[in-house]
Structure formats: structure tokens, C-alpha cells
């Protein structure tokens, strides 16, 4: 009987662990998948960051958010809040519906 062939360590494996250009987008994709599985259609960004394990940091999301523009929208400030908030959507369709029909 022959021995199974060992795959070995590959550079892509190392990138998936240590390269923030790979790690953070993967965490964002995982958070979107978690949001979709939850049954919710949207979530505020600060809560969205916690969906990934480990959580996505505020600096990291700011650097990689634009790569996922079809999944989030800016909300106008309301109820005396000085800053606008971002909402992440479980699907691109939900985000597009918001932007086209509700969010103006």
C-alpha cells in the first residue's frame, strides 16, 4: 500500500494566515456569510465587525470596506447623532434595493 502524498506548505497557506490583504477580506466574507445565515437582512457596522472570529478591527474595515461596496450603505444621521452610520447587508440585492428605493 502506498503512502498518501503530503501536500506540503504553500505560500497561499501562509498568506491566508499572515497577509492582512488576504486575512481581512476573508473575515469580511465570513461575516457576510454569518449575517446571511442569521436571517437578518442588515446590521450596523459596529455589530458587523463582531460577526467575524476574531473580530474585524475598525482600522482594518476602513482599509478594505471599499472592496465590498455592494454590501454596505451610509445612513444619514438621525435623532441628534452627529455622525453617519454604515449598515451592512446580507446580500447585494438587499443593499441595491435600499440604495435604489429607500436610501435615495
Protein backbone atom coordinates (compact mmCIF):
# COMPACT_ATOMS: atom_id res chain seq x y z
CA UNK A 1 0.00 0.00 0.00
CA UNK A 2 1.38 3.42 -0.91
CA UNK A 3 1.67 6.31 1.50
CA UNK A 4 -0.60 9.32 0.99
CA UNK A 5 1.23 12.17 -0.66
CA UNK A 6 1.79 15.08 1.71
CA UNK A 7 0.54 18.34 0.28
CA UNK A 8 3.22 20.45 1.94
CA UNK A 9 3.14 24.07 2.97
CA UNK A 10 2.31 26.51 0.21
CA UNK A 11 2.70 30.27 0.04
CA UNK A 12 -1.07 30.67 -0.26
CA UNK A 13 -1.45 28.86 3.07
CA UNK A 14 0.97 31.32 4.67
CA UNK A 15 -0.87 34.29 3.12
CA UNK A 16 -4.19 33.04 4.45
CA UNK A 17 -2.74 33.16 7.95
CA UNK A 18 -0.48 36.24 7.95
CA UNK A 19 -1.18 38.53 4.97
CA UNK A 20 -3.73 41.16 6.00
CA UNK A 21 -4.61 41.65 2.31
CA UNK A 22 -5.97 38.10 2.41
CA UNK A 23 -6.98 37.71 6.07
CA UNK A 24 -9.23 40.76 6.39
CA UNK A 25 -11.22 40.24 3.15
CA UNK A 26 -11.71 36.61 4.21
CA UNK A 27 -13.02 37.78 7.60
CA UNK A 28 -15.38 40.22 5.87
CA UNK A 29 -16.69 37.43 3.62
CA UNK A 30 -17.17 35.22 6.68
CA UNK A 31 -19.07 37.99 8.47
CA UNK A 32 -21.35 38.45 5.43
CA UNK A 33 -22.00 34.70 5.39
CA UNK A 34 -22.79 34.76 9.12
CA UNK A 35 -25.18 37.68 8.62
CA UNK A 36 -26.92 35.84 5.78
CA UNK A 37 -27.21 32.66 7.87
CA UNK A 38 -28.69 34.64 10.78
CA UNK A 39 -31.78 35.52 8.77
CA UNK A 40 -31.23 39.25 9.29
CA UNK A 41 -31.11 41.42 6.19
CA UNK A 42 -28.91 44.16 7.67
CA UNK A 43 -26.74 45.08 10.65
CA UNK A 44 -24.94 48.24 11.80
CA UNK A 45 -21.22 48.19 11.03
CA UNK A 46 -20.01 48.05 14.65
CA UNK A 47 -22.08 44.90 15.18
CA UNK A 48 -20.99 43.54 11.79
CA UNK A 49 -17.34 43.70 12.88
CA UNK A 50 -18.10 41.31 15.74
CA UNK A 51 -19.58 38.65 13.44
CA UNK A 52 -16.09 37.53 12.42
CA UNK A 53 -14.00 35.43 14.80
CA UNK A 54 -11.67 37.07 15.67
CA UNK A 55 -13.49 40.36 15.20
CA UNK A 56 -12.51 42.75 12.42
CA UNK A 57 -10.83 45.92 13.69
CA UNK A 58 -12.05 49.42 12.84
CA UNK A 59 -8.78 50.29 11.10
CA UNK A 60 -8.92 47.08 9.07
CA UNK A 61 -12.51 47.61 7.93
CA UNK A 62 -11.66 51.16 6.86
CA UNK A 63 -8.87 49.85 4.63
CA UNK A 64 -10.89 47.07 3.00
CA UNK A 65 -14.51 48.34 3.06
CA UNK A 66 -14.39 49.72 -0.48
CA UNK A 67 -13.78 46.24 -1.83
CA UNK A 68 -17.27 45.31 -0.62
CA UNK A 69 -19.22 48.43 -1.64
CA UNK A 70 -22.13 46.29 -2.88
CA UNK A 71 -22.78 45.12 0.69
CA UNK A 72 -22.96 48.37 2.68
CA UNK A 73 -24.55 51.81 2.65
CA UNK A 74 -24.17 55.01 4.60
CA UNK A 75 -27.14 56.08 6.68
CA UNK A 76 -27.94 59.72 7.36
CA UNK A 77 -27.55 60.91 10.93
CA UNK A 78 -30.82 60.92 12.90
CA UNK A 79 -32.01 61.53 16.44
CA UNK A 80 -29.32 64.10 17.13
CA UNK A 81 -26.40 61.83 16.28
CA UNK A 82 -23.58 63.85 14.80
CA UNK A 83 -22.06 61.06 12.77
CA UNK A 84 -23.47 58.97 9.99
CA UNK A 85 -23.62 55.23 10.41
CA UNK A 86 -22.91 52.41 8.00
CA UNK A 87 -25.18 49.43 7.55
CA UNK A 88 -24.04 46.10 6.09
CA UNK A 89 -26.49 43.96 4.16
CA UNK A 90 -26.65 40.17 3.93
CA UNK A 91 -27.00 40.27 0.14
CA UNK A 92 -26.10 42.61 -2.67
CA UNK A 93 -29.77 42.58 -3.69
CA UNK A 94 -30.87 43.92 -0.30
CA UNK A 95 -28.22 46.62 -0.47
CA UNK A 96 -29.21 47.60 -4.00
CA UNK A 97 -32.91 47.67 -3.03
CA UNK A 98 -32.07 50.01 -0.16
CA UNK A 99 -29.91 52.31 -2.27
CA UNK A 100 -32.36 52.48 -5.19
CA UNK A 101 -35.73 52.52 -3.45
CA UNK A 102 -35.35 53.68 0.12
CA UNK A 103 -31.98 55.18 0.85
CA UNK A 104 -32.10 57.59 -2.02
